PDB file of N, CA and C in Angstrom:
ATOM      1  N   MET A   1     -70.825 -39.551  30.991  1.00  0.00           N
ATOM      2  CA  MET A   1     -71.048 -40.039  32.040  1.00  0.00           C
ATOM      3  C   MET A   1     -69.642 -40.389  32.833  1.00  0.00           C
ATOM      4  N   THR A   2     -69.777 -39.890  34.229  1.00  0.00           N
ATOM      5  CA  THR A   2     -68.454 -40.147  34.779  1.00  0.00           C
ATOM      6  C   THR A   2     -68.747 -41.457  35.861  1.00  0.00           C
ATOM      7  N   ILE A   3     -67.544 -42.356  35.548  1.00  0.00           N
ATOM      8  CA  ILE A   3     -67.704 -43.553  36.588  1.00  0.00           C
ATOM      9  C   ILE A   3     -66.736 -43.318  37.595  1.00  0.00           C
ATOM     10  N   ASP A   4     -67.435 -43.446  38.805  1.00  0.00           N
ATOM     11  CA  ASP A   4     -66.486 -43.388  40.144  1.00  0.00           C
ATOM     12  C   ASP A   4     -66.850 -44.600  41.048  1.00  0.00           C
ATOM     13  N   ASP A   5     -66.692 -44.468  42.232  1.00  0.00           N
ATOM     14  CA  ASP A   5     -66.885 -45.724  43.003  1.00  0.00           C
ATOM     15  C   ASP A   5     -68.415 -45.872  43.408  1.00  0.00           C
ATOM     16  N   THR A   6     -68.962 -44.677  43.289  1.00  0.00           N
ATOM     17  CA  THR A   6     -70.470 -44.825  43.623  1.00  0.00           C
ATOM     18  C   THR A   6     -71.345 -45.238  42.559  1.00  0.00           C
ATOM     19  N   THR A   7     -70.758 -45.310  41.195  1.00  0.00           N
ATOM     20  CA  THR A   7     -71.561 -45.874  40.184  1.00  0.00           C
ATOM     21  C   THR A   7     -72.000 -47.303  40.104  1.00  0.00           C
ATOM     22  N   PRO A   8     -73.498 -47.543  40.217  1.00  0.00           N
ATOM     23  CA  PRO A   8     -73.785 -48.850  40.006  1.00  0.00           C
ATOM     24  C   PRO A   8     -73.480 -49.593  38.750  1.00  0.00           C
ATOM     25  N   ILE A   9     -73.174 -50.949  39.074  1.00  0.00           N
ATOM     26  CA  ILE A   9     -72.638 -51.655  37.822  1.00  0.00           C
ATOM     27  C   ILE A   9     -73.815 -51.780  36.824  1.00  0.00           C
ATOM     28  N   ALA A  10     -74.878 -51.873  37.349  1.00  0.00           N
ATOM     29  CA  ALA A  10     -76.135 -51.933  36.226  1.00  0.00           C
ATOM     30  C   ALA A  10     -76.187 -50.680  35.402  1.00  0.00           C
ATOM     31  N   ALA A  11     -75.592 -49.482  35.872  1.00  0.00           N
ATOM     32  CA  ALA A  11     -75.720 -48.313  35.225  1.00  0.00           C
ATOM     33  C   ALA A  11     -74.550 -48.319  34.030  1.00  0.00           C
ATOM     34  N   LEU A  12     -73.693 -49.261  33.947  1.00  0.00           N
ATOM     35  CA  LEU A  12     -72.467 -49.244  33.141  1.00  0.00           C
ATOM     36  C   LEU A  12     -73.027 -50.034  31.633  1.00  0.00           C
ATOM     37  N   THR A  13     -72.458 -49.337  30.682  1.00  0.00           N
ATOM     38  CA  THR A  13     -72.754 -49.946  29.475  1.00  0.00           C
ATOM     39  C   THR A  13     -71.611 -51.072  29.088  1.00  0.00           C
ATOM     40  N   VAL A  14     -71.808 -51.959  28.144  1.00  0.00           N
ATOM     41  CA  VAL A  14     -70.784 -52.953  27.959  1.00  0.00           C
ATOM     42  C   VAL A  14     -69.282 -52.426  27.711  1.00  0.00           C
ATOM     43  N   GLY A  15     -69.480 -51.320  26.920  1.00  0.00           N
ATOM     44  CA  GLY A  15     -68.188 -50.488  26.419  1.00  0.00           C
ATOM     45  C   GLY A  15     -67.619 -49.999  27.803  1.00  0.00           C
ATOM     46  N   ASP A  16     -68.473 -49.302  28.649  1.00  0.00           N
ATOM     47  CA  ASP A  16     -67.918 -48.732  29.784  1.00  0.00           C
ATOM     48  C   ASP A  16     -67.198 -49.862  30.717  1.00  0.00           C
ATOM     49  N   PHE A  17     -67.807 -50.834  30.828  1.00  0.00           N
ATOM     50  CA  PHE A  17     -67.355 -52.098  31.681  1.00  0.00           C
ATOM     51  C   PHE A  17     -66.022 -52.619  30.996  1.00  0.00           C
ATOM     52  N   LYS A  18     -65.947 -52.720  29.700  1.00  0.00           N
ATOM     53  CA  LYS A  18     -64.722 -53.274  28.930  1.00  0.00           C
ATOM     54  C   LYS A  18     -63.601 -52.186  29.175  1.00  0.00           C
ATOM     55  N   GLU A  19     -63.852 -50.984  29.213  1.00  0.00           N
ATOM     56  CA  GLU A  19     -62.968 -49.912  29.498  1.00  0.00           C
ATOM     57  C   GLU A  19     -62.363 -49.973  30.826  1.00  0.00           C
ATOM     58  N   LEU A  20     -63.341 -50.032  31.717  1.00  0.00           N
ATOM     59  CA  LEU A  20     -63.058 -50.199  33.281  1.00  0.00           C
ATOM     60  C   LEU A  20     -61.944 -51.396  33.355  1.00  0.00           C
ATOM     61  N   MET A  21     -62.269 -52.472  32.735  1.00  0.00           N
ATOM     62  CA  MET A  21     -61.582 -53.784  33.082  1.00  0.00           C
ATOM     63  C   MET A  21     -60.121 -53.596  32.323  1.00  0.00           C
ATOM     64  N   HIS A  22     -60.120 -53.071  31.044  1.00  0.00           N
ATOM     65  CA  HIS A  22     -58.927 -52.758  30.567  1.00  0.00           C
ATOM     66  C   HIS A  22     -58.028 -51.949  31.355  1.00  0.00           C
ATOM     67  N   ASN A  23     -58.571 -50.889  32.009  1.00  0.00           N
ATOM     68  CA  ASN A  23     -57.629 -49.879  32.756  1.00  0.00           C
ATOM     69  C   ASN A  23     -57.152 -50.596  33.938  1.00  0.00           C
ATOM     70  N   LEU A  24     -58.075 -51.533  34.630  1.00  0.00           N
ATOM     71  CA  LEU A  24     -57.448 -52.215  35.691  1.00  0.00           C
ATOM     72  C   LEU A  24     -56.605 -53.267  35.543  1.00  0.00           C
ATOM     73  N   ARG A  25     -56.456 -53.951  34.206  1.00  0.00           N
ATOM     74  CA  ARG A  25     -55.385 -54.644  33.964  1.00  0.00           C
ATOM     75  C   ARG A  25     -54.076 -54.045  33.777  1.00  0.00           C
ATOM     76  N   GLN A  26     -54.103 -52.634  33.206  1.00  0.00           N
ATOM     77  CA  GLN A  26     -52.796 -51.868  32.912  1.00  0.00           C
ATOM     78  C   GLN A  26     -52.212 -51.454  34.167  1.00  0.00           C
ATOM     79  N   GLN A  27     -52.944 -51.205  35.270  1.00  0.00           N
ATOM     80  CA  GLN A  27     -52.409 -50.905  36.438  1.00  0.00           C
ATOM     81  C   GLN A  27     -51.338 -51.783  37.108  1.00  0.00           C
ATOM     82  N   PRO A  28     -50.178 -51.386  37.520  1.00  0.00           N
ATOM     83  CA  PRO A  28     -49.289 -52.404  38.182  1.00  0.00           C
ATOM     84  C   PRO A  28     -49.838 -53.302  39.403  1.00  0.00           C
ATOM     85  N   ARG A  29     -49.692 -54.500  39.504  1.00  0.00           N
ATOM     86  CA  ARG A  29     -50.533 -55.390  40.536  1.00  0.00           C
ATOM     87  C   ARG A  29     -49.617 -55.091  41.866  1.00  0.00           C
ATOM     88  N   GLU A  30     -50.278 -54.789  42.801  1.00  0.00           N
ATOM     89  CA  GLU A  30     -49.812 -54.757  44.197  1.00  0.00           C
ATOM     90  C   GLU A  30     -49.636 -56.097  44.895  1.00  0.00           C
ATOM     91  N   GLU A  31     -48.527 -56.301  45.624  1.00  0.00           N
ATOM     92  CA  GLU A  31     -48.466 -57.547  46.267  1.00  0.00           C
ATOM     93  C   GLU A  31     -49.697 -57.602  47.316  1.00  0.00           C
ATOM     94  N   ALA A  32     -50.217 -58.749  47.390  1.00  0.00           N
ATOM     95  CA  ALA A  32     -51.522 -59.174  48.237  1.00  0.00           C
ATOM     96  C   ALA A  32     -51.057 -58.940  49.671  1.00  0.00           C
ATOM     97  N   ARG A  33     -49.863 -59.540  49.968  1.00  0.00           N
ATOM     98  CA  ARG A  33     -49.275 -59.610  51.268  1.00  0.00           C
ATOM     99  C   ARG A  33     -47.915 -59.484  51.248  1.00  0.00           C
ATOM    100  N   PRO A  34     -47.074 -58.852  52.222  1.00  0.00           N
ATOM    101  CA  PRO A  34     -45.685 -58.794  52.195  1.00  0.00           C
ATOM    102  C   PRO A  34     -44.994 -59.973  52.086  1.00  0.00           C
ATOM    103  N   GLU A  35     -43.736 -60.041  51.733  1.00  0.00           N
ATOM    104  CA  GLU A  35     -43.013 -61.353  51.749  1.00  0.00           C
ATOM    105  C   GLU A  35     -42.792 -61.802  52.946  1.00  0.00           C
ATOM    106  N   VAL A  36     -43.063 -63.133  53.247  1.00  0.00           N
ATOM    107  CA  VAL A  36     -43.191 -63.755  54.428  1.00  0.00           C
ATOM    108  C   VAL A  36     -41.587 -64.404  54.524  1.00  0.00           C
ATOM    109  N   ARG A  37     -40.895 -64.121  55.546  1.00  0.00           N
ATOM    110  CA  ARG A  37     -39.469 -64.598  55.574  1.00  0.00           C
ATOM    111  C   ARG A  37     -39.547 -65.865  56.510  1.00  0.00           C
ATOM    112  N   HIS A  38     -39.134 -66.982  56.241  1.00  0.00           N
ATOM    113  CA  HIS A  38     -39.254 -68.245  56.871  1.00  0.00           C
ATOM    114  C   HIS A  38     -38.049 -68.441  57.870  1.00  0.00           C
ATOM    115  N   ARG A  39     -38.314 -68.539  59.090  1.00  0.00           N
ATOM    116  CA  ARG A  39     -37.267 -68.597  59.879  1.00  0.00           C
ATOM    117  C   ARG A  39     -36.922 -70.147  60.224  1.00  0.00           C
ATOM    118  N   ARG A  40     -35.628 -70.454  60.344  1.00  0.00           N
ATOM    119  CA  ARG A  40     -35.223 -71.803  60.922  1.00  0.00           C
ATOM    120  C   ARG A  40     -34.592 -71.876  62.293  1.00  0.00           C
ATOM    121  N   TYR A  41     -35.052 -72.710  63.072  1.00  0.00           N
ATOM    122  CA  TYR A  41     -34.910 -72.650  64.313  1.00  0.00           C
ATOM    123  C   TYR A  41     -34.139 -74.033  64.487  1.00  0.00           C
ATOM    124  N   VAL A  42     -33.337 -73.987  65.671  1.00  0.00           N
ATOM    125  CA  VAL A  42     -32.877 -75.189  66.321  1.00  0.00           C
ATOM    126  C   VAL A  42     -33.007 -75.269  67.813  1.00  0.00           C
ATOM    127  N   TYR A  43     -33.080 -76.378  68.366  1.00  0.00           N
ATOM    128  CA  TYR A  43     -33.188 -76.469  69.717  1.00  0.00           C
ATOM    129  C   TYR A  43     -32.174 -77.065  70.554  1.00  0.00           C
ATOM    130  N   GLY A  44     -32.157 -76.387  71.742  1.00  0.00           N
ATOM    131  CA  GLY A  44     -31.199 -76.858  72.607  1.00  0.00           C
ATOM    132  C   GLY A  44     -29.626 -76.576  72.323  1.00  0.00           C
ATOM    133  N   LEU A  45     -28.772 -77.076  73.434  1.00  0.00           N
ATOM    134  CA  LEU A  45     -27.427 -76.848  73.063  1.00  0.00           C
ATOM    135  C   LEU A  45     -26.876 -77.714  71.927  1.00  0.00           C
ATOM    136  N   GLN A  46     -27.535 -78.751  71.565  1.00  0.00           N
ATOM    137  CA  GLN A  46     -27.267 -79.848  70.607  1.00  0.00           C
ATOM    138  C   GLN A  46     -27.431 -79.022  69.145  1.00  0.00           C
ATOM    139  N   GLY A  47     -28.467 -78.286  69.145  1.00  0.00           N
ATOM    140  CA  GLY A  47     -28.564 -77.131  67.945  1.00  0.00           C
ATOM    141  C   GLY A  47     -27.543 -76.429  67.805  1.00  0.00           C
ATOM    142  N   ILE A  48     -27.199 -75.605  68.935  1.00  0.00           N
ATOM    143  CA  ILE A  48     -25.987 -74.811  68.676  1.00  0.00           C
ATOM    144  C   ILE A  48     -24.688 -75.328  68.392  1.00  0.00           C
ATOM    145  N   ARG A  49     -24.552 -76.605  68.874  1.00  0.00           N
ATOM    146  CA  ARG A  49     -23.468 -77.457  68.558  1.00  0.00           C
ATOM    147  C   ARG A  49     -23.349 -77.908  67.078  1.00  0.00           C
ATOM    148  N   ASP A  50     -24.660 -78.234  66.523  1.00  0.00           N
ATOM    149  CA  ASP A  50     -24.623 -78.546  65.147  1.00  0.00           C
ATOM    150  C   ASP A  50     -24.374 -77.246  64.270  1.00  0.00           C
ATOM    151  N   ILE A  51     -24.865 -76.075  64.541  1.00  0.00           N
ATOM    152  CA  ILE A  51     -24.532 -74.962  63.837  1.00  0.00           C
ATOM    153  C   ILE A  51     -23.195 -74.512  63.699  1.00  0.00           C
ATOM    154  N   PHE A  52     -22.331 -74.682  64.787  1.00  0.00           N
ATOM    155  CA  PHE A  52     -21.217 -74.170  64.925  1.00  0.00           C
ATOM    156  C   PHE A  52     -20.076 -75.361  65.024  1.00  0.00           C
ATOM    157  N   GLY A  53     -20.582 -76.483  65.115  1.00  0.00           N
ATOM    158  CA  GLY A  53     -19.535 -77.544  65.130  1.00  0.00           C
ATOM    159  C   GLY A  53     -18.630 -77.581  66.018  1.00  0.00           C
ATOM    160  N   CYS A  54     -19.074 -77.106  67.430  1.00  0.00           N
ATOM    161  CA  CYS A  54     -18.293 -76.875  68.462  1.00  0.00           C
ATOM    162  C   CYS A  54     -18.811 -77.932  69.726  1.00  0.00           C
ATOM    163  N   SER A  55     -17.861 -77.860  70.729  1.00  0.00           N
ATOM    164  CA  SER A  55     -18.126 -78.758  71.936  1.00  0.00           C
ATOM    165  C   SER A  55     -19.380 -78.293  72.659  1.00  0.00           C
ATOM    166  N   HIS A  56     -19.831 -79.034  73.784  1.00  0.00           N
ATOM    167  CA  HIS A  56     -20.958 -78.555  74.612  1.00  0.00           C
ATOM    168  C   HIS A  56     -20.603 -77.333  75.288  1.00  0.00           C
ATOM    169  N   ALA A  57     -19.343 -77.170  76.065  1.00  0.00           N
ATOM    170  CA  ALA A  57     -19.060 -76.248  76.786  1.00  0.00           C
ATOM    171  C   ALA A  57     -18.814 -74.863  75.793  1.00  0.00           C
ATOM    172  N   THR A  58     -18.337 -75.118  74.490  1.00  0.00           N
ATOM    173  CA  THR A  58     -18.231 -73.828  73.715  1.00  0.00           C
ATOM    174  C   THR A  58     -19.629 -73.528  73.341  1.00  0.00           C
ATOM    175  N   ALA A  59     -20.481 -74.324  73.140  1.00  0.00           N
ATOM    176  CA  ALA A  59     -21.951 -73.982  72.854  1.00  0.00           C
ATOM    177  C   ALA A  59     -22.743 -73.369  73.847  1.00  0.00           C
ATOM    178  N   GLN A  60     -22.349 -73.513  75.183  1.00  0.00           N
ATOM    179  CA  GLN A  60     -22.888 -72.983  76.190  1.00  0.00           C
ATOM    180  C   GLN A  60     -22.499 -71.417  76.203  1.00  0.00           C
ATOM    181  N   ARG A  61     -21.081 -71.419  75.996  1.00  0.00           N
ATOM    182  CA  ARG A  61     -20.554 -70.018  76.046  1.00  0.00           C
ATOM    183  C   ARG A  61     -20.997 -69.113  75.210  1.00  0.00           C
ATOM    184  N   TYR A  62     -21.254 -69.666  73.856  1.00  0.00           N
ATOM    185  CA  TYR A  62     -21.791 -68.884  72.756  1.00  0.00           C
ATOM    186  C   TYR A  62     -23.289 -68.508  73.190  1.00  0.00           C
ATOM    187  N   LYS A  63     -23.917 -69.420  73.633  1.00  0.00           N
ATOM    188  CA  LYS A  63     -25.393 -69.063  74.014  1.00  0.00           C
ATOM    189  C   LYS A  63     -25.491 -67.876  75.084  1.00  0.00           C
ATOM    190  N   ASP A  64     -24.493 -67.961  75.963  1.00  0.00           N
ATOM    191  CA  ASP A  64     -24.731 -67.048  77.073  1.00  0.00           C
ATOM    192  C   ASP A  64     -23.969 -65.557  76.586  1.00  0.00           C
ATOM    193  N   THR A  65     -23.099 -65.601  75.425  1.00  0.00           N
ATOM    194  CA  THR A  65     -22.401 -64.377  75.213  1.00  0.00           C
ATOM    195  C   THR A  65     -22.822 -63.948  73.642  1.00  0.00           C
ATOM    196  N   ILE A  66     -22.159 -64.549  72.607  1.00  0.00           N
ATOM    197  CA  ILE A  66     -22.078 -64.109  71.430  1.00  0.00           C
ATOM    198  C   ILE A  66     -23.657 -64.083  70.766  1.00  0.00           C
ATOM    199  N   ILE A  67     -24.150 -65.153  70.921  1.00  0.00           N
ATOM    200  CA  ILE A  67     -25.690 -65.275  70.156  1.00  0.00           C
ATOM    201  C   ILE A  67     -26.784 -65.152  71.104  1.00  0.00           C
ATOM    202  N   ARG A  68     -26.651 -64.297  72.124  1.00  0.00           N
ATOM    203  CA  ARG A  68     -27.671 -64.151  73.279  1.00  0.00           C
ATOM    204  C   ARG A  68     -28.842 -63.582  72.631  1.00  0.00           C
ATOM    205  N   ASP A  69     -28.755 -62.722  71.701  1.00  0.00           N
ATOM    206  CA  ASP A  69     -29.997 -62.010  71.082  1.00  0.00           C
ATOM    207  C   ASP A  69     -30.656 -62.957  70.441  1.00  0.00           C
ATOM    208  N   ALA A  70     -30.122 -64.161  69.748  1.00  0.00           N
ATOM    209  CA  ALA A  70     -30.807 -65.127  68.806  1.00  0.00           C
ATOM    210  C   ALA A  70     -31.427 -66.220  69.755  1.00  0.00           C
ATOM    211  N   VAL A  71     -31.210 -66.398  70.829  1.00  0.00           N
ATOM    212  CA  VAL A  71     -31.771 -67.401  71.892  1.00  0.00           C
ATOM    213  C   VAL A  71     -32.871 -66.989  72.670  1.00  0.00           C
ATOM    214  N   ILE A  72     -33.883 -67.948  72.759  1.00  0.00           N
ATOM    215  CA  ILE A  72     -35.191 -67.793  73.467  1.00  0.00           C
ATOM    216  C   ILE A  72     -34.981 -68.819  74.643  1.00  0.00           C
ATOM    217  N   GLN A  73     -34.920 -68.503  75.719  1.00  0.00           N
ATOM    218  CA  GLN A  73     -35.213 -69.655  76.853  1.00  0.00           C
ATOM    219  C   GLN A  73     -35.973 -69.628  77.834  1.00  0.00           C
ATOM    220  N   ASN A  74     -36.839 -70.612  78.040  1.00  0.00           N
ATOM    221  CA  ASN A  74     -37.776 -70.612  78.857  1.00  0.00           C
ATOM    222  C   ASN A  74     -37.510 -71.869  79.808  1.00  0.00           C
ATOM    223  N   GLY A  75     -37.031 -71.644  81.094  1.00  0.00           N
ATOM    224  CA  GLY A  75     -36.633 -72.824  81.850  1.00  0.00           C
ATOM    225  C   GLY A  75     -35.477 -73.584  81.052  1.00  0.00           C
ATOM    226  N   ARG A  76     -35.670 -74.939  80.737  1.00  0.00           N
ATOM    227  CA  ARG A  76     -34.682 -75.593  80.221  1.00  0.00           C
ATOM    228  C   ARG A  76     -34.643 -75.712  78.733  1.00  0.00           C
ATOM    229  N   LYS A  77     -35.994 -75.112  78.223  1.00  0.00           N
ATOM    230  CA  LYS A  77     -36.079 -75.150  76.768  1.00  0.00           C
ATOM    231  C   LYS A  77     -35.468 -74.008  76.063  1.00  0.00           C
ATOM    232  N   ILE A  78     -34.509 -74.421  75.155  1.00  0.00           N
ATOM    233  CA  ILE A  78     -33.836 -73.227  74.445  1.00  0.00           C
ATOM    234  C   ILE A  78     -34.235 -73.438  72.783  1.00  0.00           C
ATOM    235  N   VAL A  79     -34.469 -72.308  72.247  1.00  0.00           N
ATOM    236  CA  VAL A  79     -34.721 -72.014  70.903  1.00  0.00           C
ATOM    237  C   VAL A  79     -33.878 -71.141  70.401  1.00  0.00           C
ATOM    238  N   VAL A  80     -33.287 -71.306  69.184  1.00  0.00           N
ATOM    239  CA  VAL A  80     -32.166 -70.489  68.450  1.00  0.00           C
ATOM    240  C   VAL A  80     -32.630 -70.236  67.127  1.00  0.00           C
ATOM    241  N   ASP A  81     -32.781 -68.962  66.740  1.00  0.00           N
ATOM    242  CA  ASP A  81     -32.862 -68.306  65.422  1.00  0.00           C
ATOM    243  C   ASP A  81     -31.609 -68.640  64.803  1.00  0.00           C
ATOM    244  N   VAL A  82     -31.576 -69.534  63.672  1.00  0.00           N
ATOM    245  CA  VAL A  82     -30.205 -69.805  63.051  1.00  0.00           C
ATOM    246  C   VAL A  82     -29.654 -68.701  62.379  1.00  0.00           C
ATOM    247  N   GLU A  83     -30.435 -68.056  61.548  1.00  0.00           N
ATOM    248  CA  GLU A  83     -30.021 -66.985  60.696  1.00  0.00           C
ATOM    249  C   GLU A  83     -29.293 -65.894  61.353  1.00  0.00           C
ATOM    250  N   LEU A  84     -30.298 -65.527  62.492  1.00  0.00           N
ATOM    251  CA  LEU A  84     -29.623 -64.404  63.458  1.00  0.00           C
ATOM    252  C   LEU A  84     -28.283 -64.940  64.361  1.00  0.00           C
ATOM    253  N   ALA A  85     -28.414 -65.933  64.620  1.00  0.00           N
ATOM    254  CA  ALA A  85     -27.080 -66.396  65.465  1.00  0.00           C
ATOM    255  C   ALA A  85     -25.992 -66.403  64.492  1.00  0.00           C
ATOM    256  N   LEU A  86     -26.151 -66.813  63.315  1.00  0.00           N
ATOM    257  CA  LEU A  86     -24.959 -66.738  62.382  1.00  0.00           C
ATOM    258  C   LEU A  86     -24.470 -65.310  62.077  1.00  0.00           C
ATOM    259  N   GLN A  87     -25.506 -64.447  61.905  1.00  0.00           N
ATOM    260  CA  GLN A  87     -25.273 -62.931  61.815  1.00  0.00           C
ATOM    261  C   GLN A  87     -24.502 -62.573  62.879  1.00  0.00           C
ATOM    262  N   LEU A  88     -24.975 -62.806  64.251  1.00  0.00           N
ATOM    263  CA  LEU A  88     -24.217 -62.391  65.464  1.00  0.00           C
ATOM    264  C   LEU A  88     -22.838 -62.906  65.650  1.00  0.00           C
ATOM    265  N   PHE A  89     -22.693 -64.012  65.170  1.00  0.00           N
ATOM    266  CA  PHE A  89     -21.313 -64.738  65.220  1.00  0.00           C
ATOM    267  C   PHE A  89     -20.371 -64.094  64.430  1.00  0.00           C
ATOM    268  N   ASN A  90     -20.953 -63.833  63.249  1.00  0.00           N
ATOM    269  CA  ASN A  90     -20.027 -63.231  62.196  1.00  0.00           C
ATOM    270  C   ASN A  90     -19.469 -61.773  62.737  1.00  0.00           C
ATOM    271  N   GLN A  91     -20.545 -61.178  63.329  1.00  0.00           N
ATOM    272  CA  GLN A  91     -20.204 -59.760  63.758  1.00  0.00           C
ATOM    273  C   GLN A  91     -19.473 -59.794  65.013  1.00  0.00           C
ATOM    274  N   ASN A  92     -19.615 -60.731  65.887  1.00  0.00           N
ATOM    275  CA  ASN A  92     -18.889 -60.492  67.160  1.00  0.00           C
ATOM    276  C   ASN A  92     -18.042 -61.623  67.486  1.00  0.00           C
ATOM    277  N   GLY A  93     -17.939 -62.852  66.612  1.00  0.00           N
ATOM    278  CA  GLY A  93     -17.536 -64.034  66.870  1.00  0.00           C
ATOM    279  C   GLY A  93     -16.070 -63.851  67.144  1.00  0.00           C
ATOM    280  N   ARG A  94     -15.377 -63.113  66.124  1.00  0.00           N
ATOM    281  CA  ARG A  94     -13.983 -63.201  66.176  1.00  0.00           C
ATOM    282  C   ARG A  94     -13.375 -62.426  67.467  1.00  0.00           C
ATOM    283  N   GLU A  95     -14.302 -61.356  67.916  1.00  0.00           N
ATOM    284  CA  GLU A  95     -13.747 -60.704  69.131  1.00  0.00           C
ATOM    285  C   GLU A  95     -13.702 -61.601  70.339  1.00  0.00           C
ATOM    286  N   ALA A  96     -14.746 -62.514  70.415  1.00  0.00           N
ATOM    287  CA  ALA A  96     -14.978 -63.297  71.515  1.00  0.00           C
ATOM    288  C   ALA A  96     -14.048 -64.503  71.703  1.00  0.00           C
ATOM    289  N   ARG A  97     -13.439 -64.765  70.734  1.00  0.00           N
ATOM    290  CA  ARG A  97     -12.755 -66.141  70.679  1.00  0.00           C
ATOM    291  C   ARG A  97     -11.104 -66.024  71.327  1.00  0.00           C
TER     292      ARG A  97
END
């Protein structure tokens, strides 16, 4: 008897079922979902000041230049992806100073 996806469970013997379960356990387990990366955000110019330990004017300059791609701004609301901001700063920060 050939067991495939269309074989009814009721048609299996206990031995067939045991063999099927044993084969399923031997196969490598795939991840149910991809790894979720948790992002850390800071808010406002104060958040930028906290990340870089700089003055208000310097935080404004960084927001507008070096870390621009890490900043989301809607009106007066500013949200900064910390990891991306640090990455951009390390890549470009030395050139802008």
